[in-house]
Amino acid sequence: MTVPAPPRDASPPGQPKKAAAAAWIGSALEYYDFFIYGSAAALIFPEVFFDDSDPATATLLSLATFGVAYAARPIGALFLGHVGDRLGRKKIMVFTLMLMGLSTFLIGCLPTRAQVGTLAPVLLVLCRVLQGISAAGEQASANSMTLEHAPPDRRGFFTSFTLSGTQGGQLLATLVFIPIAALPEEQLLSWGWRVPFWLSVAVAVVGWVIRRRLDETPAFEQQTADEGVVKLPLVVLLREHWADVLRVVAGALIASVSTIFTVWALAYATGDTVGMSRSSMLWVGALANVVALAAIPLWAALSDRVGRRPVYLIGAVGSAVTMFLYLWAISTGNYPLTLFLGIVAFGVVYSAANGVWPSFYGEMFPTRVRLSGVAIGTQIGFAVAGFAVTFAARIAGPDGDDWTAVALFTAALCVPPVIAAITARETHRVPSERLGEGAVEEGAERPEKVTA
């Protein structure tokens, strides 16, 4: 039997695994930097940078600085998406990692408000903006890299490693913060909180070594050789693919589940109303992320068989329900119940949407504008998700204990992703070279697998 020749833009043997590994490790290292800020914003920064305010206001201001990075992400997406579609995915992946490492290290070096006054929170916000710009290009470039290297019938599985790496980074950040949070109060607030940020130097070096050895994708190189790069990717994107950009923006609001779980619920559970310990609640996040590491590729592999939309919808609809149950469990003060429902909500159910969106969104666009489309669409949606924590803190009332309002708010933010998925094309069987061309008959034959 004759083995069909691979398409001209097919990756050499071994490259899909290499790209997935680079995406996983790089995203884990980069999002370690990004997520340690979330833990610090909930547990440390109210007393270090906003200690001149009452506790509730200090927490609100601290959580607002967490959202600042999300506001900066659309701006970073415009620039980095443009560069990535013109110069390649690899260059953006290396640049974003170095920028994240530098900005995170600088946060660990900042003076406190007690030392320099209002200059301290100003410098904190500037560093957080740099983190946001870096994150804007990280996932989109890693997603494009893995999608364009992946075999046609396993794009969901290979592309999911970007988000699996993101969860790995969140797990690493949580594990690092657990012993830090257990330090005596004086040591914690003086120098202990800085250590996780200083470790970003090692993070950046390791990530740079891994990513600089990765090849550019054959799809991008073929696009460049055949048609050249698009002079203004944003213009082409908004002219020809505006509807899918809007779908990605709406779909990206699902990230609100992550920010509410990671930051607001942590602050609520460890506050005066509930009073759970910092370490015990950090373990909820850690164990949920351990489960997510396994669940994300499994959900993605399922989407390669049954489609992106049904798996994504399980995650979006299920998250609206399980987040309500999780916040209720926290309100009872029952730690075993909180632990169980935290793992179910974030580790299992949310992972369905989280594991599928890298391929689902990326497959909406052709190679020439893929990085711009995914970057701009996701980062606008993520900007709203980032400030969802601040909105949650406001609607939770003066004592920060109205968890039902926050649960309903989170559920409402899951509605646009559901609409986006229902109206999107199913793409799991569409040949890679036809992605982004428009509606394709859903029963189209899957491309034949090429064996070595």
Protein backbone atom coordinates (compact mmCIF):
# COMPACT_ATOMS: atom_id res chain seq x y z
CA MET A 1 0.00 0.00 0.00
CA THR A 2 1.38 3.38 -1.03
CA VAL A 3 1.78 5.88 1.77
CA PRO A 4 0.41 9.25 0.66
CA ALA A 5 2.96 12.01 0.47
CA PRO A 6 2.78 14.49 3.31
CA PRO A 7 1.56 17.97 2.52
CA ARG A 8 4.26 20.52 1.89
CA ASP A 9 3.57 22.21 5.20
CA ALA A 10 3.76 18.99 7.24
CA SER A 11 6.14 18.90 10.18
CA PRO A 12 9.12 16.52 10.18
CA PRO A 13 8.81 13.46 12.43
CA GLY A 14 9.24 14.35 16.07
CA GLN A 15 8.54 18.06 15.64
CA PRO A 16 4.93 17.93 16.94
CA LYS A 17 6.12 16.41 20.24
CA LYS A 18 9.02 18.84 20.42
CA ALA A 19 6.72 21.81 19.82
CA ALA A 20 4.21 20.56 22.40
CA ALA A 21 6.97 20.05 24.97
CA ALA A 22 8.38 23.54 24.32
CA ALA A 23 4.92 25.05 24.61
CA TRP A 24 4.20 23.16 27.83
CA ILE A 25 7.47 23.97 29.57
CA GLY A 26 7.62 27.54 28.32
CA SER A 27 4.03 28.28 29.30
CA ALA A 28 4.53 26.65 32.69
CA LEU A 29 7.58 28.78 33.38
CA GLU A 30 6.01 31.97 32.06
CA TYR A 31 2.73 31.51 33.92
CA TYR A 32 4.54 30.63 37.11
CA ASP A 33 5.62 34.27 36.98
CA PHE A 34 2.15 35.50 36.11
CA PHE A 35 0.27 33.53 38.77
CA ILE A 36 2.54 34.21 41.73
CA TYR A 37 1.29 37.75 41.39
CA GLY A 38 -2.28 36.51 41.88
CA SER A 39 -1.39 34.75 45.12
CA ALA A 40 0.51 37.76 46.37
CA ALA A 41 -2.31 40.14 45.40
CA ALA A 42 -4.76 38.14 47.48
CA LEU A 43 -2.55 37.40 50.49
CA ILE A 44 0.37 39.86 50.73
CA PHE A 45 0.05 43.09 48.76
CA PRO A 46 -2.87 44.58 50.73
CA GLU A 47 -0.52 44.81 53.73
CA VAL A 48 2.65 45.73 51.82
CA PHE A 49 1.54 48.25 49.19
CA PHE A 50 -1.89 49.41 50.42
CA ASP A 51 -1.54 49.31 54.21
CA ASP A 52 -2.70 52.92 54.53
CA SER A 53 -6.27 51.82 53.70
CA ASP A 54 -8.81 49.82 55.68
CA PRO A 55 -8.57 46.04 55.06
CA ALA A 56 -11.51 45.83 52.64
CA THR A 57 -10.31 48.78 50.54
CA ALA A 58 -6.73 47.50 50.61
CA THR A 59 -7.87 44.14 49.25
CA LEU A 60 -9.95 45.84 46.55
CA LEU A 61 -6.99 47.99 45.45
CA SER A 62 -4.65 45.02 45.45
CA LEU A 63 -7.03 42.95 43.32
CA ALA A 64 -7.35 45.89 40.95
CA THR A 65 -3.60 45.77 40.29
CA PHE A 66 -4.08 42.10 39.39
CA GLY A 67 -6.55 43.22 36.71
CA VAL A 68 -4.21 45.90 35.34
CA ALA A 69 -2.21 43.26 33.48
CA TYR A 70 -5.36 42.10 31.74
CA ALA A 71 -6.08 45.66 30.62
CA ALA A 72 -2.60 45.82 29.10
CA ARG A 73 -2.98 42.49 27.30
CA PRO A 74 -5.09 43.74 24.34
CA ILE A 75 -2.47 46.40 23.66
CA GLY A 76 0.28 43.79 23.76
CA ALA A 77 -1.80 41.52 21.52
CA LEU A 78 -2.05 44.17 18.79
CA PHE A 79 1.73 44.57 18.66
CA LEU A 80 2.84 41.00 19.28
CA GLY A 81 0.17 39.51 17.00
CA HIS A 82 1.33 41.76 14.18
CA VAL A 83 4.98 40.86 14.72
CA GLY A 84 4.25 37.15 15.10
CA ASP A 85 2.32 36.94 11.82
CA ARG A 86 5.12 38.80 10.02
CA LEU A 87 8.30 37.47 11.63
CA GLY A 88 7.23 34.08 12.98
CA ARG A 89 5.99 32.33 16.09
CA LYS A 90 9.38 31.43 17.57
CA LYS A 91 10.60 35.03 17.94
CA ILE A 92 7.51 36.00 19.94
CA MET A 93 7.80 32.92 22.17
CA VAL A 94 11.36 33.84 23.14
CA PHE A 95 10.63 37.56 23.59
CA THR A 96 7.59 37.07 25.83
CA LEU A 97 9.43 34.70 28.14
CA MET A 98 12.32 37.12 28.70
CA LEU A 99 10.00 40.09 29.27
CA MET A 100 7.94 38.15 31.82
CA GLY A 101 11.05 37.05 33.70
CA LEU A 102 12.44 40.58 33.91
CA SER A 103 9.20 42.24 35.04
CA THR A 104 8.55 39.56 37.66
CA PHE A 105 12.06 39.83 39.09
CA LEU A 106 11.65 43.60 39.37
CA ILE A 107 8.44 43.18 41.40
CA GLY A 108 10.47 41.27 43.99
CA CYS A 109 12.87 44.22 44.22
CA LEU A 110 10.25 46.94 44.73
CA PRO A 111 10.24 49.10 47.87
CA THR A 112 7.10 48.98 50.01
CA ARG A 113 4.64 51.81 50.59
CA ALA A 114 6.06 52.30 54.08
CA GLN A 115 9.46 52.97 52.51
CA VAL A 116 8.67 55.28 49.56
CA GLY A 117 4.98 56.13 49.88
CA THR A 118 2.68 56.15 46.84
CA LEU A 119 5.60 55.53 44.47
CA ALA A 120 5.56 51.87 45.56
CA PRO A 121 2.10 50.97 44.16
CA VAL A 122 2.84 53.03 41.03
CA LEU A 123 5.96 50.95 40.32
CA LEU A 124 3.99 47.81 41.10
CA VAL A 125 1.40 48.70 38.46
CA LEU A 126 4.10 49.43 35.87
CA CYS A 127 5.68 46.03 36.40
CA ARG A 128 2.27 44.39 36.21
CA VAL A 129 1.64 46.11 32.87
CA LEU A 130 4.85 44.55 31.50
CA GLN A 131 3.64 41.16 32.72
CA GLY A 132 0.38 41.69 30.86
CA ILE A 133 2.09 42.64 27.60
CA SER A 134 4.21 39.51 27.83
CA ALA A 135 1.25 37.23 28.55
CA ALA A 136 -0.60 38.72 25.57
CA GLY A 137 1.74 37.07 23.12
CA GLU A 138 2.62 33.93 25.06
CA GLN A 139 -0.42 31.73 24.63
CA ALA A 140 -1.25 32.88 21.09
CA SER A 141 2.28 32.21 19.83
CA ALA A 142 2.56 28.87 21.64
CA ASN A 143 -0.90 27.84 20.40
CA SER A 144 -0.02 28.72 16.82
CA MET A 145 3.28 26.89 17.09
CA THR A 146 1.75 23.64 18.35
CA LEU A 147 -1.31 23.80 16.07
CA GLU A 148 0.83 24.25 12.96
CA HIS A 149 3.20 21.44 13.93
CA ALA A 150 0.44 18.98 14.97
CA PRO A 151 -0.85 16.06 12.87
CA PRO A 152 -4.25 16.99 11.34
CA ASP A 153 -6.16 14.38 13.31
CA ARG A 154 -4.60 15.29 16.70
CA ARG A 155 -4.53 19.08 16.65
CA GLY A 156 -6.69 19.31 19.76
CA PHE A 157 -4.45 17.02 21.79
CA PHE A 158 -1.13 18.62 20.86
CA THR A 159 -2.39 22.19 21.12
CA SER A 160 -3.80 21.55 24.59
CA PHE A 161 -0.27 21.31 25.99
CA THR A 162 -0.06 25.11 25.97
CA LEU A 163 -2.93 25.31 28.47
CA SER A 164 -1.72 22.26 30.36
CA GLY A 165 1.55 24.15 30.77
CA THR A 166 -0.34 27.19 31.99
CA GLN A 167 -1.95 25.06 34.70
CA GLY A 168 1.46 23.61 35.48
CA GLY A 169 2.76 27.13 36.03
CA GLN A 170 -0.15 27.91 38.30
CA LEU A 171 0.55 24.73 40.25
CA LEU A 172 4.23 25.62 40.57
CA ALA A 173 3.37 29.13 41.75
CA THR A 174 0.97 27.74 44.35
CA LEU A 175 3.46 25.17 45.64
CA VAL A 176 6.14 27.84 45.99
CA PHE A 177 3.75 30.09 47.92
CA ILE A 178 2.62 27.42 50.38
CA PRO A 179 5.84 27.44 52.49
CA ILE A 180 6.16 31.20 52.00
CA ALA A 181 2.65 31.77 53.38
CA ALA A 182 3.54 29.65 56.41
CA LEU A 183 6.37 32.00 57.46
CA PRO A 184 5.92 34.15 60.57
CA GLU A 185 4.04 37.33 59.71
CA GLU A 186 7.04 39.63 60.15
CA GLN A 187 9.30 37.56 57.89
CA LEU A 188 6.54 37.05 55.34
CA LEU A 189 5.86 40.76 54.94
CA SER A 190 9.50 41.88 55.05
CA TRP A 191 11.35 39.52 52.70
CA GLY A 192 9.53 36.20 52.36
CA TRP A 193 7.04 37.33 49.69
CA ARG A 194 9.92 38.49 47.47
CA VAL A 195 11.54 35.07 47.06
CA PRO A 196 9.05 33.61 44.53
CA PHE A 197 9.49 36.71 42.35
CA TRP A 198 13.28 36.50 42.46
CA LEU A 199 13.14 32.90 41.30
CA SER A 200 11.88 34.17 37.94
CA VAL A 201 15.50 34.68 36.86
CA ALA A 202 16.01 30.92 36.80
CA VAL A 203 12.63 30.53 35.12
CA ALA A 204 13.59 32.86 32.28
CA VAL A 205 16.97 31.21 31.67
CA VAL A 206 15.51 27.70 31.50
CA GLY A 207 12.72 28.82 29.18
CA TRP A 208 15.13 30.64 26.86
CA VAL A 209 17.33 27.56 26.48
CA ILE A 210 14.30 25.42 25.58
CA ARG A 211 12.60 27.76 23.15
CA ARG A 212 15.60 29.02 21.20
CA ARG A 213 16.15 25.50 19.85
CA LEU A 214 12.63 25.11 18.46
CA ASP A 215 12.10 25.24 14.68
CA GLU A 216 9.69 27.67 13.06
CA THR A 217 6.48 26.00 11.84
CA PRO A 218 6.40 24.57 8.30
CA ALA A 219 2.98 26.18 7.77
CA PHE A 220 4.37 29.66 8.45
CA GLU A 221 7.45 29.04 6.32
CA GLN A 222 5.29 27.71 3.47
CA GLN A 223 2.96 30.68 3.74
CA THR A 224 5.96 33.02 3.57
CA ALA A 225 7.47 31.20 0.58
CA ASP A 226 4.23 30.96 -1.43
CA GLU A 227 2.46 34.24 -0.71
CA GLY A 228 4.78 36.25 1.51
CA VAL A 229 3.71 37.69 4.84
CA VAL A 230 0.71 39.95 5.24
CA LYS A 231 1.78 43.56 5.40
CA LEU A 232 -0.99 44.53 7.82
CA PRO A 233 -2.37 41.37 9.46
CA LEU A 234 -4.83 43.36 11.58
CA VAL A 235 -6.51 44.88 8.51
CA VAL A 236 -6.93 41.47 6.87
CA LEU A 237 -8.12 39.96 10.13
CA LEU A 238 -10.84 42.53 10.75
CA ARG A 239 -11.91 42.64 7.11
CA GLU A 240 -12.20 38.91 6.48
CA HIS A 241 -12.51 37.27 9.92
CA TRP A 242 -14.25 39.81 12.15
CA ALA A 243 -17.05 37.42 13.13
CA ASP A 244 -14.60 34.83 14.42
CA VAL A 245 -12.67 37.51 16.30
CA LEU A 246 -15.91 38.39 18.10
CA ARG A 247 -16.50 34.71 18.86
CA VAL A 248 -13.04 34.42 20.39
CA VAL A 249 -13.60 37.58 22.46
CA ALA A 250 -16.87 36.13 23.79
CA GLY A 251 -15.33 32.70 24.34
CA ALA A 252 -12.36 34.12 26.23
CA LEU A 253 -14.69 35.36 28.97
CA ILE A 254 -14.62 31.78 30.27
CA ALA A 255 -11.29 32.76 31.85
CA SER A 256 -13.34 34.62 34.47
CA VAL A 257 -13.87 31.25 36.11
CA SER A 258 -10.12 30.92 36.57
CA THR A 259 -9.57 34.41 37.98
CA ILE A 260 -12.52 34.16 40.39
CA PHE A 261 -11.33 30.74 41.58
CA THR A 262 -7.66 31.69 41.83
CA VAL A 263 -7.89 35.14 43.38
CA TRP A 264 -11.30 36.21 44.70
CA ALA A 265 -12.25 32.85 46.23
CA LEU A 266 -8.82 32.67 47.88
CA ALA A 267 -9.23 36.11 49.41
CA TYR A 268 -12.80 35.32 50.52
CA ALA A 269 -11.92 31.97 52.10
CA THR A 270 -8.97 33.38 54.06
CA GLY A 271 -10.76 36.59 55.12
CA ASP A 272 -12.35 37.33 58.46
CA THR A 273 -15.80 36.01 57.49
CA VAL A 274 -14.76 32.41 56.75
CA GLY A 275 -11.29 32.32 58.30
CA MET A 276 -9.69 29.34 56.57
CA SER A 277 -5.90 29.23 56.68
CA ARG A 278 -3.80 30.47 53.77
CA SER A 279 -1.92 27.20 53.41
CA SER A 280 -5.03 25.02 53.35
CA MET A 281 -6.66 27.11 50.61
CA LEU A 282 -3.47 27.15 48.57
CA TRP A 283 -3.58 23.36 48.68
CA VAL A 284 -7.07 23.46 47.12
CA GLY A 285 -5.63 25.28 44.12
CA ALA A 286 -2.58 23.02 44.00
CA LEU A 287 -4.56 19.77 43.97
CA ALA A 288 -7.10 21.15 41.49
CA ASN A 289 -4.25 21.98 39.15
CA VAL A 290 -2.75 18.51 39.54
CA VAL A 291 -6.06 17.07 38.34
CA ALA A 292 -6.22 19.67 35.55
CA LEU A 293 -2.83 18.56 34.24
CA ALA A 294 -4.36 15.16 33.47
CA ALA A 295 -7.84 16.36 32.52
CA ILE A 296 -6.84 18.98 29.92
CA PRO A 297 -5.17 16.61 27.40
CA LEU A 298 -7.90 14.01 27.95
CA TRP A 299 -10.67 16.51 27.15
CA ALA A 300 -8.65 17.73 24.15
CA ALA A 301 -8.17 14.19 22.86
CA LEU A 302 -11.91 13.66 23.17
CA SER A 303 -12.49 16.78 21.07
CA ASP A 304 -10.37 15.22 18.30
CA ARG A 305 -12.97 12.45 18.17
CA VAL A 306 -16.33 14.13 18.86
CA GLY A 307 -15.62 17.78 18.01
CA ARG A 308 -14.55 21.00 19.71
CA ARG A 309 -18.00 22.44 20.36
CA PRO A 310 -19.54 19.71 22.56
CA VAL A 311 -16.49 19.45 24.81
CA TYR A 312 -16.19 23.23 25.10
CA LEU A 313 -19.87 23.52 26.00
CA ILE A 314 -19.46 20.95 28.78
CA GLY A 315 -16.80 23.19 30.28
CA ALA A 316 -18.68 26.47 29.87
CA VAL A 317 -22.08 25.31 31.14
CA GLY A 318 -20.60 23.06 33.81
CA SER A 319 -18.39 25.86 35.17
CA ALA A 320 -21.41 28.09 35.77
CA VAL A 321 -22.92 25.38 37.97
CA THR A 322 -19.85 24.05 39.77
CA MET A 323 -18.44 27.49 40.65
CA PHE A 324 -21.73 28.21 42.46
CA LEU A 325 -21.28 24.99 44.44
CA TYR A 326 -17.62 25.77 45.19
CA LEU A 327 -18.31 29.23 46.59
CA TRP A 328 -21.19 27.82 48.63
CA ALA A 329 -18.84 25.20 50.09
CA ILE A 330 -16.40 27.95 51.13
CA SER A 331 -19.21 29.85 52.83
CA THR A 332 -19.97 26.82 55.02
CA GLY A 333 -16.39 26.70 56.31
CA ASN A 334 -16.32 22.96 55.54
CA TYR A 335 -12.79 22.39 54.26
CA PRO A 336 -13.16 18.79 52.96
CA LEU A 337 -16.22 19.84 50.97
CA THR A 338 -14.41 22.92 49.69
CA LEU A 339 -11.44 20.81 48.63
CA PHE A 340 -13.63 18.28 46.80
CA LEU A 341 -15.75 20.82 44.96
CA GLY A 342 -12.70 22.94 44.13
CA ILE A 343 -11.10 19.97 42.41
CA VAL A 344 -14.34 19.14 40.55
CA ALA A 345 -15.03 22.73 39.48
CA PHE A 346 -11.55 23.80 38.46
CA GLY A 347 -9.62 20.58 37.96
CA VAL A 348 -12.24 18.64 35.97
CA VAL A 349 -15.11 20.73 34.60
CA TYR A 350 -13.32 23.99 33.75
CA SER A 351 -10.57 21.93 32.10
CA ALA A 352 -13.00 20.88 29.36
CA ALA A 353 -13.21 24.43 28.00
CA ASN A 354 -9.63 25.23 28.96
CA GLY A 355 -8.19 22.25 27.12
CA VAL A 356 -10.17 22.76 23.92
CA TRP A 357 -10.03 26.50 23.31
CA PRO A 358 -6.43 26.57 22.00
CA SER A 359 -7.38 24.41 19.01
CA PHE A 360 -10.96 25.68 18.80
CA TYR A 361 -9.92 29.33 18.48
CA GLY A 362 -6.79 28.70 16.41
CA GLU A 363 -8.69 26.64 13.84
CA MET A 364 -10.99 29.60 13.13
CA PHE A 365 -8.16 31.44 11.34
CA PRO A 366 -5.77 30.76 8.43
CA THR A 367 -2.01 30.71 8.94
CA ARG A 368 -1.42 34.25 7.72
CA VAL A 369 -3.47 35.89 10.51
CA ARG A 370 -3.75 33.09 13.07
CA LEU A 371 -1.50 34.57 15.75
CA SER A 372 -3.17 38.00 15.45
CA GLY A 373 -6.66 36.51 15.54
CA VAL A 374 -6.07 34.37 18.60
CA ALA A 375 -4.02 37.03 20.42
CA ILE A 376 -6.39 39.94 19.90
CA GLY A 377 -9.57 37.94 20.45
CA THR A 378 -8.43 36.20 23.60
CA GLN A 379 -6.74 39.18 25.18
CA ILE A 380 -9.79 41.43 24.88
CA GLY A 381 -11.87 38.73 26.55
CA PHE A 382 -9.16 38.07 29.12
CA ALA A 383 -9.09 41.79 29.97
CA VAL A 384 -12.68 41.53 31.13
CA ALA A 385 -11.87 38.30 32.96
CA GLY A 386 -8.97 39.96 34.77
CA PHE A 387 -11.15 42.73 36.14
CA ALA A 388 -13.85 40.22 37.04
CA VAL A 389 -11.95 39.84 40.32
CA THR A 390 -12.31 43.56 41.03
CA PHE A 391 -16.01 43.53 40.12
CA ALA A 392 -16.50 40.48 42.32
CA ALA A 393 -14.89 42.29 45.25
CA ARG A 394 -17.29 45.21 44.72
CA ILE A 395 -20.49 43.19 44.41
CA ALA A 396 -19.55 41.00 47.37
CA GLY A 397 -20.56 43.89 49.64
CA PRO A 398 -18.72 45.94 52.25
CA ASP A 399 -17.78 42.82 54.21
CA GLY A 400 -16.82 40.86 51.09
CA ASP A 401 -19.04 37.93 52.00
CA ASP A 402 -21.92 37.99 49.46
CA TRP A 403 -20.77 34.88 47.63
CA THR A 404 -24.13 34.32 45.92
CA ALA A 405 -23.77 37.60 44.02
CA VAL A 406 -20.30 36.55 42.90
CA ALA A 407 -21.54 33.11 41.86
CA LEU A 408 -24.34 34.61 39.75
CA PHE A 409 -21.88 37.11 38.25
CA THR A 410 -19.53 34.25 37.29
CA ALA A 411 -22.40 32.28 35.77
CA ALA A 412 -23.45 35.30 33.70
CA LEU A 413 -19.91 35.55 32.31
CA CYS A 414 -20.22 31.94 31.13
CA VAL A 415 -23.17 32.81 28.84
CA PRO A 416 -21.20 34.57 26.04
CA PRO A 417 -18.80 31.60 25.68
CA VAL A 418 -21.81 29.29 25.29
CA ILE A 419 -23.24 31.50 22.54
CA ALA A 420 -19.84 31.71 20.83
CA ALA A 421 -19.49 27.93 20.77
CA ILE A 422 -23.01 27.31 19.50
CA THR A 423 -22.57 29.74 16.59
CA ALA A 424 -19.03 28.63 15.65
CA ARG A 425 -18.13 26.16 12.89
CA GLU A 426 -17.03 22.69 13.90
CA THR A 427 -13.42 22.37 12.71
CA HIS A 428 -11.97 19.19 14.16
CA ARG A 429 -12.23 17.36 10.79
CA VAL A 430 -11.25 20.28 8.57
CA PRO A 431 -7.89 19.75 6.77
CA SER A 432 -5.16 22.01 8.16
CA GLU A 433 -4.64 23.80 4.84
CA ARG A 434 -8.35 24.73 4.71
CA LEU A 435 -8.63 26.19 8.20
CA GLY A 436 -10.07 29.69 8.19
CA GLU A 437 -11.52 29.40 4.68
CA GLY A 438 -15.11 29.53 5.91
CA ALA A 439 -17.83 27.01 6.59
CA VAL A 440 -16.83 23.47 5.70
CA GLU A 441 -19.25 20.60 5.48
CA GLU A 442 -19.19 18.97 8.90
CA GLY A 443 -19.01 15.47 7.49
CA ALA A 444 -15.81 16.13 5.56
CA GLU A 445 -13.30 13.35 5.58
CA ARG A 446 -10.48 13.59 8.06
CA PRO A 447 -7.07 13.82 6.33
CA GLU A 448 -5.23 10.54 6.13
CA LYS A 449 -2.64 10.04 8.80
CA VAL A 450 0.88 9.91 7.40
CA THR A 451 3.04 7.20 8.92
CA ALA A 452 6.79 7.28 8.98
